[in-house]
Amino acid sequence: MRIFLPTVGVPPEISAVREFEWLARVSKSHRHELATDAAGADVILFTECHQLDDPITLNRIRASEEFRRYRDRCFVFDQRPRAYCSLPGLYTSAPWSTLRRSYQIPWSYHKIKDDLAAPDRPVDLLFSFVGTARSHTSREQLLQLDHPRGLVKRVDGHVPWRPDAPGFHDRRVFFAETLRRSSFVLCPRGRATSSIRFYETMVAGRVPVVFSDEWVPPQGIDVTEFAIVWPERNIDGLIDYLELHEQDAAEMGRRARRVFEEKFAPEMMFDRIGDALEQLAATMPWRSFPRYGFPPDRRVVRHAAGLARRKIDRLRQHARDRSSNISAS
């Protein structure tokens, strides 16, 4: 299958399109290939949803020439943290309660670095969590966990896609070393139902413990083979459960690493995306998909309202600053 990757105005140096092109180059089997234009493509895949300045409406996609001319071949790879069914495609964080399986395929993040592997590294921690509590209320309880072989550390302000931020390298090294030392790695949801920490734990060959009631695992994997899924707002009995299953952690971790290599490694990702798109396209979803997509749920509406409030606050502050400067002059 031939896949075209359009851009809708995201600066080239940060566009996800470049990363998908790289995935196509390193593809192991080359079952699918990139098309040079939309006209000759079997599928047109928009990959910049999470990078747009209109992440609720996706109007920049709908207004694009590719979408207007070839709508029935258009799909999204949607990594928005608060995604709803805007267009048919692959979704990393579509909530279970609103997932529309006729149009949405649950998927992983596209960019999962293979830089944490530690298959032979001995572990000395039962569990660990290094991260912020700000991104979701359910995270706060994890900071209260206490165990002689548990490591819980709150780290605020770390943004994975800003490697030039002060202290980024030191925080990343600490996180990686802690992860490698752990039998179980706590992977709570944040703004998104999914978590990149889940996949990083698989890379390291450790056992992810998922706290996300609305999370839908990526298509084609059985998480019960290598992960633990725990109620996101109730940690009662968690430590006892981890101690009980500690003897199984090494084998579960090996399975996690094996699933990463088979499903999520960079050399596997592009062809698996192509397979999923081929499957979705065969159902002809645009025959029944609503013209403007499905309405967002309350969670997305609240997010949009928050964005609007912050924009208004910035405009008001700008007006006050301008008024003060005029008065001072």
C-alpha atoms as a PDB file:
ATOM      1  CA  MET A   1       0.000   0.000   0.000  1.00  0.00           C
ATOM      2  CA  ARG A   2       1.180   3.515  -0.859  1.00  0.00           C
ATOM      3  CA  ILE A   3       0.870   6.070   1.948  1.00  0.00           C
ATOM      4  CA  PHE A   4       1.120   9.842   1.493  1.00  0.00           C
ATOM      5  CA  LEU A   5       2.100  12.009   4.479  1.00  0.00           C
ATOM      6  CA  PRO A   6       0.852  15.585   4.007  1.00  0.00           C
ATOM      7  CA  THR A   7       1.753  18.509   6.241  1.00  0.00           C
ATOM      8  CA  VAL A   8      -0.687  21.216   7.215  1.00  0.00           C
ATOM      9  CA  GLY A   9       1.643  24.031   8.157  1.00  0.00           C
ATOM     10  CA  VAL A  10       3.641  22.640  11.076  1.00  0.00           C
ATOM     11  CA  PRO A  11       7.274  23.850  10.825  1.00  0.00           C
ATOM     12  CA  PRO A  12       9.330  21.139   9.063  1.00  0.00           C
ATOM     13  CA  GLU A  13      11.944  20.937  11.808  1.00  0.00           C
ATOM     14  CA  ILE A  14       9.363  19.742  14.356  1.00  0.00           C
ATOM     15  CA  SER A  15       6.736  18.127  12.132  1.00  0.00           C
ATOM     16  CA  ALA A  16       5.774  14.540  12.898  1.00  0.00           C
ATOM     17  CA  VAL A  17       5.880  13.946   9.140  1.00  0.00           C
ATOM     18  CA  ARG A  18       9.688  13.779   9.284  1.00  0.00           C
ATOM     19  CA  GLU A  19       9.549  11.089  11.951  1.00  0.00           C
ATOM     20  CA  PHE A  20       7.058   8.993   9.985  1.00  0.00           C
ATOM     21  CA  GLU A  21       9.264   9.314   6.904  1.00  0.00           C
ATOM     22  CA  TRP A  22      12.159   8.002   9.004  1.00  0.00           C
ATOM     23  CA  LEU A  23      10.017   5.069  10.183  1.00  0.00           C
ATOM     24  CA  ALA A  24       9.334   4.228   6.533  1.00  0.00           C
ATOM     25  CA  ARG A  25      13.079   4.268   5.760  1.00  0.00           C
ATOM     26  CA  VAL A  26      14.008   1.930   8.619  1.00  0.00           C
ATOM     27  CA  SER A  27      11.065  -0.408   7.997  1.00  0.00           C
ATOM     28  CA  LYS A  28      12.106  -4.050   8.194  1.00  0.00           C
ATOM     29  CA  SER A  29       9.880  -5.622   5.541  1.00  0.00           C
ATOM     30  CA  HIS A  30       8.785  -2.671   3.380  1.00  0.00           C
ATOM     31  CA  ARG A  31       5.310  -4.110   2.892  1.00  0.00           C
ATOM     32  CA  HIS A  32       4.123  -0.521   2.505  1.00  0.00           C
ATOM     33  CA  GLU A  33       5.803   2.495   0.945  1.00  0.00           C
ATOM     34  CA  LEU A  34       5.542   6.258   0.851  1.00  0.00           C
ATOM     35  CA  ALA A  35       3.747   7.940  -2.033  1.00  0.00           C
ATOM     36  CA  THR A  36       5.174  11.136  -3.509  1.00  0.00           C
ATOM     37  CA  ASP A  37       1.776  12.792  -3.949  1.00  0.00           C
ATOM     38  CA  ALA A  38      -1.800  12.429  -2.759  1.00  0.00           C
ATOM     39  CA  ALA A  39      -3.180  11.546  -6.190  1.00  0.00           C
ATOM     40  CA  GLY A  40      -1.123   8.357  -6.395  1.00  0.00           C
ATOM     41  CA  ALA A  41      -1.669   7.253  -2.800  1.00  0.00           C
ATOM     42  CA  ASP A  42      -3.918   4.496  -1.522  1.00  0.00           C
ATOM     43  CA  VAL A  43      -4.095   6.215   1.860  1.00  0.00           C
ATOM     44  CA  ILE A  44      -3.444   9.810   2.947  1.00  0.00           C
ATOM     45  CA  LEU A  45      -2.310   9.898   6.572  1.00  0.00           C
ATOM     46  CA  PHE A  46      -2.347  13.130   8.597  1.00  0.00           C
ATOM     47  CA  THR A  47       0.158  12.792  11.445  1.00  0.00           C
ATOM     48  CA  GLU A  48       0.278  16.290  12.977  1.00  0.00           C
ATOM     49  CA  CYS A  49      -3.010  16.357  14.943  1.00  0.00           C
ATOM     50  CA  HIS A  50      -1.226  16.828  18.280  1.00  0.00           C
ATOM     51  CA  GLN A  51       0.914  19.659  16.860  1.00  0.00           C
ATOM     52  CA  LEU A  52      -1.858  21.889  15.530  1.00  0.00           C
ATOM     53  CA  ASP A  53      -3.082  25.155  17.018  1.00  0.00           C
ATOM     54  CA  ASP A  54      -6.657  23.924  16.579  1.00  0.00           C
ATOM     55  CA  PRO A  55      -6.400  20.542  18.322  1.00  0.00           C
ATOM     56  CA  ILE A  56     -10.138  20.386  18.986  1.00  0.00           C
ATOM     57  CA  THR A  57     -11.562  21.092  15.524  1.00  0.00           C
ATOM     58  CA  LEU A  58      -8.684  19.949  13.263  1.00  0.00           C
ATOM     59  CA  ASN A  59      -9.889  22.590  10.800  1.00  0.00           C
ATOM     60  CA  ARG A  60      -6.438  22.842   9.232  1.00  0.00           C
ATOM     61  CA  ILE A  61      -6.742  19.235   8.134  1.00  0.00           C
ATOM     62  CA  ARG A  62     -10.288  19.659   6.847  1.00  0.00           C
ATOM     63  CA  ALA A  63      -9.271  22.779   4.904  1.00  0.00           C
ATOM     64  CA  SER A  64      -6.261  21.116   3.273  1.00  0.00           C
ATOM     65  CA  GLU A  65      -6.252  20.412  -0.445  1.00  0.00           C
ATOM     66  CA  GLU A  66      -5.633  16.717   0.186  1.00  0.00           C
ATOM     67  CA  PHE A  67      -8.697  16.403   2.386  1.00  0.00           C
ATOM     68  CA  ARG A  68     -10.962  18.438   0.125  1.00  0.00           C
ATOM     69  CA  ARG A  69      -9.989  16.462  -2.991  1.00  0.00           C
ATOM     70  CA  TYR A  70      -9.509  12.950  -1.603  1.00  0.00           C
ATOM     71  CA  ARG A  71     -11.528  12.795   1.609  1.00  0.00           C
ATOM     72  CA  ASP A  72     -12.408   9.101   1.243  1.00  0.00           C
ATOM     73  CA  ARG A  73      -8.708   8.190   1.382  1.00  0.00           C
ATOM     74  CA  CYS A  74      -7.879  10.389   4.380  1.00  0.00           C
ATOM     75  CA  PHE A  75      -7.069   9.068   7.845  1.00  0.00           C
ATOM     76  CA  VAL A  76      -5.348  10.407  10.968  1.00  0.00           C
ATOM     77  CA  PHE A  77      -2.651   9.168  13.294  1.00  0.00           C
ATOM     78  CA  ASP A  78      -4.018  11.018  16.297  1.00  0.00           C
ATOM     79  CA  GLN A  79      -1.811  11.511  19.368  1.00  0.00           C
ATOM     80  CA  ARG A  80      -3.853  14.283  20.992  1.00  0.00           C
ATOM     81  CA  PRO A  81      -4.112  13.714  24.757  1.00  0.00           C
ATOM     82  CA  ARG A  82      -7.818  14.530  24.702  1.00  0.00           C
ATOM     83  CA  ALA A  83      -8.740  12.949  21.404  1.00  0.00           C
ATOM     84  CA  TYR A  84     -12.256  12.244  20.264  1.00  0.00           C
ATOM     85  CA  CYS A  85     -13.454  10.704  17.008  1.00  0.00           C
ATOM     86  CA  SER A  86     -12.770  13.625  14.668  1.00  0.00           C
ATOM     87  CA  LEU A  87     -11.760  11.536  11.645  1.00  0.00           C
ATOM     88  CA  PRO A  88     -11.207   7.827  10.950  1.00  0.00           C
ATOM     89  CA  GLY A  89      -7.756   6.612  11.915  1.00  0.00           C
ATOM     90  CA  LEU A  90      -5.356   5.333  14.566  1.00  0.00           C
ATOM     91  CA  TYR A  91      -5.688   6.846  18.059  1.00  0.00           C
ATOM     92  CA  THR A  92      -3.243   6.631  20.953  1.00  0.00           C
ATOM     93  CA  SER A  93      -5.580   7.921  23.680  1.00  0.00           C
ATOM     94  CA  ALA A  94      -9.172   7.313  22.617  1.00  0.00           C
ATOM     95  CA  PRO A  95     -11.086   6.729  25.888  1.00  0.00           C
ATOM     96  CA  TRP A  96     -12.770   3.367  26.303  1.00  0.00           C
ATOM     97  CA  SER A  97     -16.158   4.969  27.023  1.00  0.00           C
ATOM     98  CA  THR A  98     -16.242   6.888  23.727  1.00  0.00           C
ATOM     99  CA  LEU A  99     -14.201   4.608  21.447  1.00  0.00           C
ATOM    100  CA  ARG A 100     -15.892   3.998  18.098  1.00  0.00           C
ATOM    101  CA  ARG A 101     -14.290   0.832  16.796  1.00  0.00           C
ATOM    102  CA  SER A 102     -15.788   1.193  13.327  1.00  0.00           C
ATOM    103  CA  TYR A 103     -13.634   4.301  12.831  1.00  0.00           C
ATOM    104  CA  GLN A 104     -10.898   4.259  15.496  1.00  0.00           C
ATOM    105  CA  ILE A 105      -8.109   1.725  15.947  1.00  0.00           C
ATOM    106  CA  PRO A 106      -6.367   1.931  19.353  1.00  0.00           C
ATOM    107  CA  TRP A 107      -2.638   2.380  18.828  1.00  0.00           C
ATOM    108  CA  SER A 108       0.675   3.220  20.442  1.00  0.00           C
ATOM    109  CA  TYR A 109       2.736   6.371  20.166  1.00  0.00           C
ATOM    110  CA  HIS A 110       4.716   6.333  16.939  1.00  0.00           C
ATOM    111  CA  LYS A 111       8.091   7.272  18.394  1.00  0.00           C
ATOM    112  CA  ILE A 112       9.333   4.822  21.007  1.00  0.00           C
ATOM    113  CA  LYS A 113      13.100   4.943  21.386  1.00  0.00           C
ATOM    114  CA  ASP A 114      14.953   1.713  21.982  1.00  0.00           C
ATOM    115  CA  ASP A 115      17.405   3.244  24.433  1.00  0.00           C
ATOM    116  CA  LEU A 116      16.451   1.742  27.794  1.00  0.00           C
ATOM    117  CA  ALA A 117      17.053  -1.971  27.255  1.00  0.00           C
ATOM    118  CA  ALA A 118      18.610  -3.641  30.288  1.00  0.00           C
ATOM    119  CA  PRO A 119      17.815  -7.358  30.081  1.00  0.00           C
ATOM    120  CA  ASP A 120      20.661  -8.484  32.323  1.00  0.00           C
ATOM    121  CA  ARG A 121      20.632  -5.601  34.790  1.00  0.00           C
ATOM    122  CA  PRO A 122      19.837  -6.887  38.315  1.00  0.00           C
ATOM    123  CA  VAL A 123      16.925  -5.180  40.044  1.00  0.00           C
ATOM    124  CA  ASP A 124      16.864  -4.014  43.642  1.00  0.00           C
ATOM    125  CA  LEU A 125      13.534  -2.137  43.722  1.00  0.00           C
ATOM    126  CA  LEU A 126      10.105  -3.711  43.996  1.00  0.00           C
ATOM    127  CA  PHE A 127       8.486  -0.723  42.292  1.00  0.00           C
ATOM    128  CA  SER A 128       9.135   2.870  41.298  1.00  0.00           C
ATOM    129  CA  PHE A 129       7.414   6.014  40.132  1.00  0.00           C
ATOM    130  CA  VAL A 130       9.261   9.142  39.021  1.00  0.00           C
ATOM    131  CA  GLY A 131       7.018  11.878  37.665  1.00  0.00           C
ATOM    132  CA  THR A 132       4.624  14.734  38.258  1.00  0.00           C
ATOM    133  CA  ALA A 133       1.314  14.604  40.104  1.00  0.00           C
ATOM    134  CA  ARG A 134      -0.078  17.624  38.293  1.00  0.00           C
ATOM    135  CA  SER A 135      -1.281  15.956  35.101  1.00  0.00           C
ATOM    136  CA  HIS A 136      -4.050  13.899  36.727  1.00  0.00           C
ATOM    137  CA  THR A 137      -5.602  13.785  40.192  1.00  0.00           C
ATOM    138  CA  SER A 138      -5.140  10.020  40.481  1.00  0.00           C
ATOM    139  CA  ARG A 139      -1.356  10.432  40.553  1.00  0.00           C
ATOM    140  CA  GLU A 140      -1.223  12.098  43.969  1.00  0.00           C
ATOM    141  CA  GLN A 141      -1.961   8.839  45.804  1.00  0.00           C
ATOM    142  CA  LEU A 142       1.098   7.166  44.277  1.00  0.00           C
ATOM    143  CA  LEU A 143       3.333   9.649  46.074  1.00  0.00           C
ATOM    144  CA  GLN A 144       2.034   8.279  49.385  1.00  0.00           C
ATOM    145  CA  LEU A 145       3.201   4.716  48.713  1.00  0.00           C
ATOM    146  CA  ASP A 146       5.834   3.571  51.191  1.00  0.00           C
ATOM    147  CA  HIS A 147       7.951   0.424  51.021  1.00  0.00           C
ATOM    148  CA  PRO A 148      11.605  -0.361  51.868  1.00  0.00           C
ATOM    149  CA  ARG A 149      12.196  -1.312  48.222  1.00  0.00           C
ATOM    150  CA  GLY A 150       9.939   1.271  46.666  1.00  0.00           C
ATOM    151  CA  LEU A 151      11.191   4.508  45.104  1.00  0.00           C
ATOM    152  CA  VAL A 152       8.672   7.299  44.605  1.00  0.00           C
ATOM    153  CA  LYS A 153       9.889  10.743  43.579  1.00  0.00           C
ATOM    154  CA  ARG A 154       7.893  13.742  42.455  1.00  0.00           C
ATOM    155  CA  VAL A 155       9.421  15.581  39.493  1.00  0.00           C
ATOM    156  CA  ASP A 156       7.524  18.554  38.077  1.00  0.00           C
ATOM    157  CA  GLY A 157       8.252  20.496  34.915  1.00  0.00           C
ATOM    158  CA  HIS A 158       9.850  17.704  32.887  1.00  0.00           C
ATOM    159  CA  VAL A 159       8.689  17.776  29.257  1.00  0.00           C
ATOM    160  CA  PRO A 160       9.938  14.790  27.193  1.00  0.00           C
ATOM    161  CA  TRP A 161       9.965  16.713  23.894  1.00  0.00           C
ATOM    162  CA  ARG A 162      12.069  19.620  25.222  1.00  0.00           C
ATOM    163  CA  PRO A 163      15.572  18.175  25.566  1.00  0.00           C
ATOM    164  CA  ASP A 164      17.084  21.661  25.663  1.00  0.00           C
ATOM    165  CA  ALA A 165      15.302  22.523  28.934  1.00  0.00           C
ATOM    166  CA  PRO A 166      17.554  23.093  31.979  1.00  0.00           C
ATOM    167  CA  GLY A 167      18.179  19.869  33.882  1.00  0.00           C
ATOM    168  CA  PHE A 168      16.596  17.680  31.204  1.00  0.00           C
ATOM    169  CA  HIS A 169      19.570  15.332  30.847  1.00  0.00           C
ATOM    170  CA  ASP A 170      19.989  14.761  34.588  1.00  0.00           C
ATOM    171  CA  ARG A 171      16.286  14.060  35.038  1.00  0.00           C
ATOM    172  CA  ARG A 172      16.288  11.663  32.095  1.00  0.00           C
ATOM    173  CA  VAL A 173      19.310   9.754  33.422  1.00  0.00           C
ATOM    174  CA  PHE A 174      17.733   9.457  36.870  1.00  0.00           C
ATOM    175  CA  PHE A 175      14.467   8.214  35.386  1.00  0.00           C
ATOM    176  CA  ALA A 176      16.230   5.646  33.196  1.00  0.00           C
ATOM    177  CA  GLU A 177      18.377   4.294  36.024  1.00  0.00           C
ATOM    178  CA  THR A 178      15.391   4.055  38.361  1.00  0.00           C
ATOM    179  CA  LEU A 179      13.364   2.228  35.725  1.00  0.00           C
ATOM    180  CA  ARG A 180      16.129  -0.317  35.133  1.00  0.00           C
ATOM    181  CA  ARG A 181      16.405  -0.976  38.873  1.00  0.00           C
ATOM    182  CA  SER A 182      12.676  -1.767  39.210  1.00  0.00           C
ATOM    183  CA  SER A 183      10.717  -5.000  38.945  1.00  0.00           C
ATOM    184  CA  PHE A 184       7.480  -3.043  38.493  1.00  0.00           C
ATOM    185  CA  VAL A 185       7.111   0.464  37.080  1.00  0.00           C
ATOM    186  CA  LEU A 186       3.984   2.438  37.965  1.00  0.00           C
ATOM    187  CA  CYS A 187       2.449   3.942  34.822  1.00  0.00           C
ATOM    188  CA  PRO A 188      -0.415   6.282  35.760  1.00  0.00           C
ATOM    189  CA  ARG A 189      -2.411   8.184  33.202  1.00  0.00           C
ATOM    190  CA  GLY A 190      -1.859  11.917  32.805  1.00  0.00           C
ATOM    191  CA  ARG A 191      -3.886  14.243  30.606  1.00  0.00           C
ATOM    192  CA  ALA A 192      -4.043  11.356  28.150  1.00  0.00           C
ATOM    193  CA  THR A 193      -5.464   7.935  28.889  1.00  0.00           C
ATOM    194  CA  SER A 194      -2.256   6.442  27.509  1.00  0.00           C
ATOM    195  CA  SER A 195       1.271   6.916  28.831  1.00  0.00           C
ATOM    196  CA  ILE A 196       4.646   6.889  27.093  1.00  0.00           C
ATOM    197  CA  ARG A 197       6.008   5.414  30.353  1.00  0.00           C
ATOM    198  CA  PHE A 198       4.148   2.177  29.573  1.00  0.00           C
ATOM    199  CA  TYR A 199       6.155   1.718  26.383  1.00  0.00           C
ATOM    200  CA  GLU A 200       9.454   2.829  27.937  1.00  0.00           C
ATOM    201  CA  THR A 201       8.950   0.160  30.584  1.00  0.00           C
ATOM    202  CA  MET A 202       8.496  -2.447  27.859  1.00  0.00           C
ATOM    203  CA  VAL A 203      11.708  -1.268  26.190  1.00  0.00           C
ATOM    204  CA  ALA A 204      13.595  -1.829  29.438  1.00  0.00           C
ATOM    205  CA  GLY A 205      12.104  -5.295  29.885  1.00  0.00           C
ATOM    206  CA  ARG A 206      10.290  -4.409  33.087  1.00  0.00           C
ATOM    207  CA  VAL A 207       6.640  -4.833  34.123  1.00  0.00           C
ATOM    208  CA  PRO A 208       4.300  -1.864  33.580  1.00  0.00           C
ATOM    209  CA  VAL A 209       1.577  -1.288  36.172  1.00  0.00           C
ATOM    210  CA  VAL A 210      -1.148   0.696  34.412  1.00  0.00           C
ATOM    211  CA  PHE A 211      -3.446   3.111  36.281  1.00  0.00           C
ATOM    212  CA  SER A 212      -5.940   4.292  33.667  1.00  0.00           C
ATOM    213  CA  ASP A 213      -9.545   3.107  33.734  1.00  0.00           C
ATOM    214  CA  GLU A 214     -10.306   4.583  30.295  1.00  0.00           C
ATOM    215  CA  TRP A 215      -7.174   3.269  28.570  1.00  0.00           C
ATOM    216  CA  VAL A 216      -7.607   0.959  25.590  1.00  0.00           C
ATOM    217  CA  PRO A 217      -4.525  -1.170  24.810  1.00  0.00           C
ATOM    218  CA  PRO A 218      -3.106  -0.975  21.278  1.00  0.00           C
ATOM    219  CA  GLN A 219      -4.646  -3.324  18.778  1.00  0.00           C
ATOM    220  CA  GLY A 220      -2.972  -6.708  18.536  1.00  0.00           C
ATOM    221  CA  ILE A 221      -1.467  -7.100  22.018  1.00  0.00           C
ATOM    222  CA  ASP A 222      -2.591  -8.944  25.138  1.00  0.00           C
ATOM    223  CA  VAL A 223      -1.425  -6.822  28.071  1.00  0.00           C
ATOM    224  CA  THR A 224      -2.253  -9.541  30.591  1.00  0.00           C
ATOM    225  CA  GLU A 225       0.839 -11.421  29.381  1.00  0.00           C
ATOM    226  CA  PHE A 226       3.305  -8.811  30.597  1.00  0.00           C
ATOM    227  CA  ALA A 227       1.556  -5.974  32.465  1.00  0.00           C
ATOM    228  CA  ILE A 228      -0.686  -5.319  35.457  1.00  0.00           C
ATOM    229  CA  VAL A 229      -3.771  -3.122  35.112  1.00  0.00           C
ATOM    230  CA  TRP A 230      -4.895  -1.558  38.409  1.00  0.00           C
ATOM    231  CA  PRO A 231      -7.877   0.710  39.278  1.00  0.00           C
ATOM    232  CA  GLU A 232      -6.618   4.248  38.827  1.00  0.00           C
ATOM    233  CA  ARG A 233      -8.120   5.718  42.022  1.00  0.00           C
ATOM    234  CA  ASN A 234      -7.626   2.924  44.548  1.00  0.00           C
ATOM    235  CA  ILE A 235      -4.180   1.721  45.555  1.00  0.00           C
ATOM    236  CA  ASP A 236      -5.403  -0.397  48.472  1.00  0.00           C
ATOM    237  CA  GLY A 237      -3.651  -3.750  48.349  1.00  0.00           C
ATOM    238  CA  LEU A 238      -1.288  -2.729  45.545  1.00  0.00           C
ATOM    239  CA  ILE A 239       1.983  -3.313  47.393  1.00  0.00           C
ATOM    240  CA  ASP A 240       0.832  -6.702  48.707  1.00  0.00           C
ATOM    241  CA  TYR A 241      -0.132  -7.687  45.161  1.00  0.00           C
ATOM    242  CA  LEU A 242       3.249  -6.649  43.753  1.00  0.00           C
ATOM    243  CA  GLU A 243       5.088  -8.578  46.470  1.00  0.00           C
ATOM    244  CA  LEU A 244       2.981 -11.656  45.722  1.00  0.00           C
ATOM    245  CA  HIS A 245       3.848 -11.516  42.013  1.00  0.00           C
ATOM    246  CA  GLU A 246       7.470 -10.390  42.320  1.00  0.00           C
ATOM    247  CA  GLN A 247       8.641 -13.919  41.494  1.00  0.00           C
ATOM    248  CA  ASP A 248       6.944 -13.570  38.078  1.00  0.00           C
ATOM    249  CA  ALA A 249       8.351 -10.135  37.284  1.00  0.00           C
ATOM    250  CA  ALA A 250      11.484 -11.251  35.424  1.00  0.00           C
ATOM    251  CA  GLU A 251       9.555 -13.471  33.006  1.00  0.00           C
ATOM    252  CA  MET A 252       6.837 -10.829  32.519  1.00  0.00           C
ATOM    253  CA  GLY A 253       9.550  -8.278  31.789  1.00  0.00           C
ATOM    254  CA  ARG A 254      11.085 -10.530  29.150  1.00  0.00           C
ATOM    255  CA  ARG A 255       7.668 -10.876  27.537  1.00  0.00           C
ATOM    256  CA  ALA A 256       7.238  -7.097  27.606  1.00  0.00           C
ATOM    257  CA  ARG A 257      10.546  -6.652  25.816  1.00  0.00           C
ATOM    258  CA  ARG A 258       9.619  -9.314  23.267  1.00  0.00           C
ATOM    259  CA  VAL A 259       6.286  -7.617  22.504  1.00  0.00           C
ATOM    260  CA  PHE A 260       8.089  -4.301  22.071  1.00  0.00           C
ATOM    261  CA  GLU A 261      10.499  -5.839  19.571  1.00  0.00           C
ATOM    262  CA  GLU A 262       7.686  -7.512  17.622  1.00  0.00           C
ATOM    263  CA  LYS A 263       5.131  -4.694  17.665  1.00  0.00           C
ATOM    264  CA  PHE A 264       6.555  -1.298  18.602  1.00  0.00           C
ATOM    265  CA  ALA A 265      10.233  -1.188  17.631  1.00  0.00           C
ATOM    266  CA  PRO A 266      11.050   1.499  15.025  1.00  0.00           C
ATOM    267  CA  GLU A 267      11.783  -1.069  12.298  1.00  0.00           C
ATOM    268  CA  MET A 268       8.339  -2.655  12.845  1.00  0.00           C
ATOM    269  CA  MET A 269       6.202   0.448  13.330  1.00  0.00           C
ATOM    270  CA  PHE A 270       5.615   1.726   9.786  1.00  0.00           C
ATOM    271  CA  ASP A 271       4.543  -1.614   8.360  1.00  0.00           C
ATOM    272  CA  ARG A 272       2.218  -2.277  11.288  1.00  0.00           C
ATOM    273  CA  ILE A 273       0.667   1.172  10.815  1.00  0.00           C
ATOM    274  CA  GLY A 274       0.232   0.345   7.138  1.00  0.00           C
ATOM    275  CA  ASP A 275      -1.409  -2.986   7.987  1.00  0.00           C
ATOM    276  CA  ALA A 276      -3.860  -1.263  10.339  1.00  0.00           C
ATOM    277  CA  LEU A 277      -4.701   1.430   7.783  1.00  0.00           C
ATOM    278  CA  GLU A 278      -5.223  -1.223   5.129  1.00  0.00           C
ATOM    279  CA  GLN A 279      -7.634  -3.000   7.457  1.00  0.00           C
ATOM    280  CA  LEU A 280      -9.536   0.206   8.263  1.00  0.00           C
ATOM    281  CA  ALA A 281      -9.653   1.432   4.660  1.00  0.00           C
ATOM    282  CA  ALA A 282     -11.130  -1.900   3.543  1.00  0.00           C
ATOM    283  CA  THR A 283     -14.240  -1.187   5.647  1.00  0.00           C
ATOM    284  CA  MET A 284     -14.849   2.071   3.712  1.00  0.00           C
ATOM    285  CA  PRO A 285     -15.509   4.101   6.885  1.00  0.00           C
ATOM    286  CA  TRP A 286     -16.272   7.326   5.029  1.00  0.00           C
ATOM    287  CA  ARG A 287     -19.509   5.831   3.716  1.00  0.00           C
ATOM    288  CA  SER A 288     -21.050   6.213   7.176  1.00  0.00           C
ATOM    289  CA  PHE A 289     -18.762   8.684   8.969  1.00  0.00           C
ATOM    290  CA  PRO A 290     -20.521  11.954   9.934  1.00  0.00           C
ATOM    291  CA  ARG A 291     -19.495  14.888   7.777  1.00  0.00           C
ATOM    292  CA  TYR A 292     -18.045  16.850  10.708  1.00  0.00           C
ATOM    293  CA  GLY A 293     -17.116  13.939  12.919  1.00  0.00           C
ATOM    294  CA  PHE A 294     -18.651  12.969  16.223  1.00  0.00           C
ATOM    295  CA  PRO A 295     -19.294  15.626  18.893  1.00  0.00           C
ATOM    296  CA  PRO A 296     -16.620  15.839  21.586  1.00  0.00           C
ATOM    297  CA  ASP A 297     -17.438  14.573  25.053  1.00  0.00           C
ATOM    298  CA  ARG A 298     -17.559  16.800  28.136  1.00  0.00           C
ATOM    299  CA  ARG A 299     -13.883  16.178  28.845  1.00  0.00           C
ATOM    300  CA  VAL A 300     -12.887  17.721  25.508  1.00  0.00           C
ATOM    301  CA  VAL A 301     -15.363  20.580  25.911  1.00  0.00           C
ATOM    302  CA  ARG A 302     -13.881  21.419  29.322  1.00  0.00           C
ATOM    303  CA  HIS A 303     -10.412  21.374  27.790  1.00  0.00           C
ATOM    304  CA  ALA A 304     -11.522  23.707  24.987  1.00  0.00           C
ATOM    305  CA  ALA A 305     -13.126  26.046  27.520  1.00  0.00           C
ATOM    306  CA  GLY A 306      -9.886  26.101  29.496  1.00  0.00           C
ATOM    307  CA  LEU A 307      -7.886  26.985  26.383  1.00  0.00           C
ATOM    308  CA  ALA A 308     -10.315  29.804  25.621  1.00  0.00           C
ATOM    309  CA  ARG A 309     -10.094  31.173  29.174  1.00  0.00           C
ATOM    310  CA  ARG A 310      -6.299  31.172  29.091  1.00  0.00           C
ATOM    311  CA  LYS A 311      -6.296  32.952  25.740  1.00  0.00           C
ATOM    312  CA  ILE A 312      -8.670  35.614  27.073  1.00  0.00           C
ATOM    313  CA  ASP A 313      -6.499  36.035  30.178  1.00  0.00           C
ATOM    314  CA  ARG A 314      -3.412  36.549  27.982  1.00  0.00           C
ATOM    315  CA  LEU A 315      -5.222  39.147  25.877  1.00  0.00           C
ATOM    316  CA  ARG A 316      -6.391  40.983  28.995  1.00  0.00           C
ATOM    317  CA  GLN A 317      -2.889  40.946  30.447  1.00  0.00           C
ATOM    318  CA  HIS A 318      -1.501  42.241  27.150  1.00  0.00           C
ATOM    319  CA  ALA A 319      -4.057  45.061  27.188  1.00  0.00           C
ATOM    320  CA  ARG A 320      -3.165  45.971  30.792  1.00  0.00           C
ATOM    321  CA  ASP A 321       0.556  45.966  30.012  1.00  0.00           C
ATOM    322  CA  ARG A 322      -0.005  48.147  26.982  1.00  0.00           C
ATOM    323  CA  SER A 323      -2.138  50.562  28.996  1.00  0.00           C
ATOM    324  CA  SER A 324       0.544  50.771  31.693  1.00  0.00           C
ATOM    325  CA  ASN A 325       3.249  51.500  29.113  1.00  0.00           C
ATOM    326  CA  ILE A 326       1.155  54.262  27.566  1.00  0.00           C
ATOM    327  CA  SER A 327       0.512  55.820  30.980  1.00  0.00           C
ATOM    328  CA  ALA A 328       4.189  55.654  31.883  1.00  0.00           C
ATOM    329  CA  SER A 329       5.195  57.433  28.691  1.00  0.00           C
END
